[in-house]
Every structure is written in C-alpha cells, then in structure tokens.
Amino acid sequence: MGTEVKPVKEVKAEHLLIVKPAAKVSTAEAYKAFNAPALTKVASDIVLSISRADEQFRNSYPDALHNDFEPVVFQLKPEIERAKNALLDVGARASLLAGSGSSVFGVFDNQAAQERAVDALGEEKGWRLFRCATIARAEYLSALGECAAPLGAADGIKGIDIGA
C-alpha cells in the first residue's frame, strides 16, 4: 500500500485568484493556536485521501479541498474567512486558505469569471489580489529546462514519456 505510483493525466488549466487581506497571522501563531497532537493521521489507512489530479478530482473540489488550519486562522482573524467567503460569493468554484494563512485562493471556471471576481473584489480596502493560473505539464517541464532531465527529458521536453 502506498508503493504504487502512476502518472496522472493532463488536466486543463485552472484560473486562480489569490486574495491577501490586510489581516496577518504568523505561522508560529497559527501552529500555536492549532494545538493538535499531530498533523498526520498515522493510525489511519489513508493519510492523503486524494493525491491525484483528474476530472473526478476536479469535479469534487468543494469536498476535496480542505485545510485543517482554517477554523483556527478564521477564529484568530475573521477577515481572512471573510475573504474566502467573498471569493465564493463572486463565483469561485472553490476557495481555500493557503497554508497556515494569511492568504486565500479561489478557483474559477475561466478567465472571464476570474476577471469578474477581480472587478468585484478590487474595491476591498487593504486587500491585495493576484491573478494566476495553473500550467500544463509540458509548460512546467519547459520552464524547468535542464532540471527536467531526471524526469525523462532528453532534449528539453521532447520525448518525455511520463505516462500522460
């Protein structure tokens, strides 16, 4: 169990919007407030319940995206929770706290939806907005350049066979 590795299929690019509200929470503060005995469930059969990127996963975003820090960080800094909810209110398919805070991100169906969210949230005082998108595997490997060689690239990204 856990020893079988299979390549994942290529998935379409996702349009993301990162919101950094004025509220700040340090990683140390978040971990201190978290007060959990362990961040992994060693006794459980499944530590990573979902670790693949395919259409089934994409359709289950709201259920699959989870961050144990959210209740703690949202209690410490309610403005961060407000930013997450604002992303959902303006059309994000899903939204999640990034790491231990202070930013949240939303996943949008397309660039037009992302732009509508930017327009809607742009007036929030103290909020910084960052448009971004995921990239295709070939684009990622190309950006890696020489570093992609261990992944099977002989000439840049030509001939890469990682089972896609």
Protein backbone atom coordinates (compact mmCIF):
# COMPACT_ATOMS: atom_id res chain seq x y z
CA MET A 1 0.00 0.00 0.00
CA GLY A 2 1.32 3.41 -0.95
CA THR A 3 4.08 1.98 -3.10
CA GLU A 4 2.35 2.12 -6.46
CA VAL A 5 2.94 5.33 -8.35
CA LYS A 6 1.02 6.06 -11.53
CA PRO A 7 1.29 9.12 -13.73
CA VAL A 8 -1.74 11.35 -13.76
CA LYS A 9 -3.49 12.50 -16.91
CA GLU A 10 -3.06 16.06 -18.07
CA VAL A 11 -5.75 18.36 -16.71
CA LYS A 12 -6.95 21.69 -18.04
CA ALA A 13 -5.51 24.93 -16.73
CA GLU A 14 -7.32 26.48 -13.79
CA HIS A 15 -7.74 30.20 -13.27
CA LEU A 16 -6.99 31.20 -9.69
CA LEU A 17 -7.29 34.39 -7.72
CA ILE A 18 -5.26 34.83 -4.55
CA VAL A 19 -6.59 37.31 -2.01
CA LYS A 20 -4.26 38.67 0.66
CA PRO A 21 -6.41 40.57 3.16
CA ALA A 22 -4.93 43.20 5.46
CA ALA A 23 -5.16 40.75 8.40
CA LYS A 24 -1.95 38.90 9.17
CA VAL A 25 -1.33 35.68 11.04
CA SER A 26 2.15 34.31 11.57
CA THR A 27 2.87 30.64 11.01
CA ALA A 28 4.01 30.36 14.63
CA GLU A 29 0.75 31.91 15.83
CA ALA A 30 -1.30 29.52 13.67
CA TYR A 31 0.56 26.42 14.87
CA LYS A 32 0.33 27.52 18.49
CA ALA A 33 -3.43 28.04 18.20
CA PHE A 34 -3.83 24.79 16.27
CA ASN A 35 -2.80 22.77 19.33
CA ALA A 36 -3.07 19.40 17.60
CA PRO A 37 -1.11 16.31 18.70
CA ALA A 38 -0.13 15.54 15.11
CA LEU A 39 -0.82 16.89 11.66
CA THR A 40 -0.90 13.45 10.04
CA LYS A 41 -3.16 10.56 10.83
CA VAL A 42 -0.60 7.78 11.21
CA ALA A 43 -3.14 5.27 12.54
CA SER A 44 -5.38 5.84 9.54
CA ASP A 45 -5.34 3.72 6.41
CA ILE A 46 -5.36 6.85 4.29
CA VAL A 47 -3.13 9.79 5.09
CA LEU A 48 -3.63 11.54 1.75
CA SER A 49 -7.19 10.83 0.78
CA ILE A 50 -6.80 12.50 -2.60
CA SER A 51 -3.45 12.89 -4.29
CA ARG A 52 -4.36 12.92 -7.94
CA ALA A 53 -5.42 15.49 -10.49
CA ASP A 54 -8.05 14.12 -12.82
CA GLU A 55 -11.55 15.03 -13.92
CA GLN A 56 -13.10 13.16 -10.98
CA PHE A 57 -10.95 15.19 -8.57
CA ARG A 58 -11.72 18.44 -10.40
CA ASN A 59 -15.45 17.84 -10.05
CA SER A 60 -15.11 17.18 -6.32
CA TYR A 61 -13.16 20.35 -5.39
CA PRO A 62 -15.55 21.56 -2.73
CA ASP A 63 -15.29 18.23 -0.92
CA ALA A 64 -11.59 17.58 -1.60
CA LEU A 65 -10.11 20.96 -0.72
CA HIS A 66 -9.51 21.01 2.99
CA ASN A 67 -7.13 22.86 5.28
CA ASP A 68 -7.05 21.98 8.99
CA PHE A 69 -5.81 25.49 9.78
CA GLU A 70 -8.99 27.18 8.54
CA PRO A 71 -11.03 27.03 11.79
CA VAL A 72 -8.05 28.24 13.83
CA VAL A 73 -6.99 31.01 11.48
CA PHE A 74 -10.56 32.15 10.87
CA GLN A 75 -11.12 32.41 14.61
CA LEU A 76 -7.91 34.42 15.04
CA LYS A 77 -8.54 36.63 12.02
CA PRO A 78 -12.18 36.74 10.84
CA GLU A 79 -11.23 38.98 7.91
CA ILE A 80 -9.43 36.03 6.31
CA GLU A 81 -12.61 33.96 6.46
CA ARG A 82 -14.50 36.92 5.00
CA ALA A 83 -12.06 36.91 2.06
CA LYS A 84 -12.66 33.20 1.48
CA ASN A 85 -16.42 33.69 1.54
CA ALA A 86 -16.12 36.72 -0.74
CA LEU A 87 -14.36 34.57 -3.35
CA LEU A 88 -17.21 32.06 -3.22
CA ASP A 89 -19.78 34.86 -3.39
CA VAL A 90 -18.23 36.25 -6.60
CA GLY A 91 -18.21 32.92 -8.41
CA ALA A 92 -15.26 30.82 -7.28
CA ARG A 93 -15.99 27.12 -7.74
CA ALA A 94 -13.95 26.52 -4.59
CA SER A 95 -11.88 28.53 -2.13
CA LEU A 96 -9.30 27.59 0.48
CA LEU A 97 -6.88 29.06 2.98
CA ALA A 98 -3.34 28.83 1.60
CA GLY A 99 -1.02 27.07 4.04
CA SER A 100 -1.32 28.43 7.58
CA GLY A 101 -2.59 31.81 6.33
CA SER A 102 -2.95 34.74 5.67
CA SER A 103 -3.97 34.36 2.01
CA VAL A 104 -6.88 32.50 0.48
CA PHE A 105 -7.38 31.47 -3.12
CA GLY A 106 -10.36 30.84 -5.34
CA VAL A 107 -10.65 28.51 -8.33
CA PHE A 108 -12.60 29.88 -11.29
CA ASP A 109 -14.10 28.17 -14.34
CA ASN A 110 -12.40 30.51 -16.80
CA GLN A 111 -10.51 33.76 -17.17
CA ALA A 112 -13.70 35.80 -17.63
CA ALA A 113 -15.03 34.57 -14.28
CA GLN A 114 -11.67 35.35 -12.70
CA GLU A 115 -11.79 38.90 -14.11
CA ARG A 116 -15.34 39.45 -12.82
CA ALA A 117 -14.07 38.45 -9.37
CA VAL A 118 -11.17 40.89 -9.64
CA ASP A 119 -13.61 43.66 -10.55
CA ALA A 120 -15.93 42.76 -7.66
CA LEU A 121 -13.22 42.45 -5.02
CA GLY A 122 -10.95 45.24 -6.23
CA GLU A 123 -12.64 47.83 -4.04
CA GLU A 124 -11.95 45.99 -0.76
CA LYS A 125 -9.72 48.24 1.30
CA GLY A 126 -6.39 46.66 2.17
CA TRP A 127 -6.91 43.51 0.08
CA ARG A 128 -4.25 42.61 -2.48
CA LEU A 129 -5.38 40.49 -5.43
CA PHE A 130 -3.15 38.25 -7.52
CA ARG A 131 -4.34 36.63 -10.75
CA CYS A 132 -2.65 33.35 -11.55
CA ALA A 133 -3.28 30.07 -13.31
CA THR A 134 -2.06 26.54 -13.21
CA ILE A 135 0.06 25.41 -16.14
CA ALA A 136 0.15 22.36 -18.36
CA ARG A 137 2.75 19.65 -17.75
CA ALA A 138 4.70 20.49 -20.93
CA GLU A 139 4.85 24.17 -19.95
CA TYR A 140 6.10 23.22 -16.48
CA LEU A 141 8.78 20.89 -17.82
CA SER A 142 9.85 23.52 -20.33
CA ALA A 143 10.23 26.05 -17.52
CA LEU A 144 12.38 23.55 -15.62
CA GLY A 145 14.79 23.42 -18.56
CA GLU A 146 17.84 21.31 -17.71
CA CYS A 147 16.29 20.35 -14.38
CA ALA A 148 13.65 18.33 -16.27
CA ALA A 149 16.27 15.78 -17.41
CA PRO A 150 15.72 13.44 -14.45
CA LEU A 151 12.03 13.37 -15.36
CA GLY A 152 12.85 11.73 -18.69
CA ALA A 153 13.51 14.72 -20.90
CA ALA A 154 16.27 14.06 -23.39
CA ASP A 155 16.05 17.32 -25.39
CA GLY A 156 14.14 19.90 -23.40
CA ILE A 157 10.65 18.49 -23.26
CA LYS A 158 10.85 16.39 -26.43
CA GLY A 159 10.30 12.72 -25.90
CA ILE A 160 9.09 12.98 -22.34
CA ASP A 161 7.13 9.88 -21.51
CA ILE A 162 5.63 10.12 -18.09
CA GLY A 163 2.51 8.25 -18.99
CA ALA A 164 0.30 11.20 -19.82
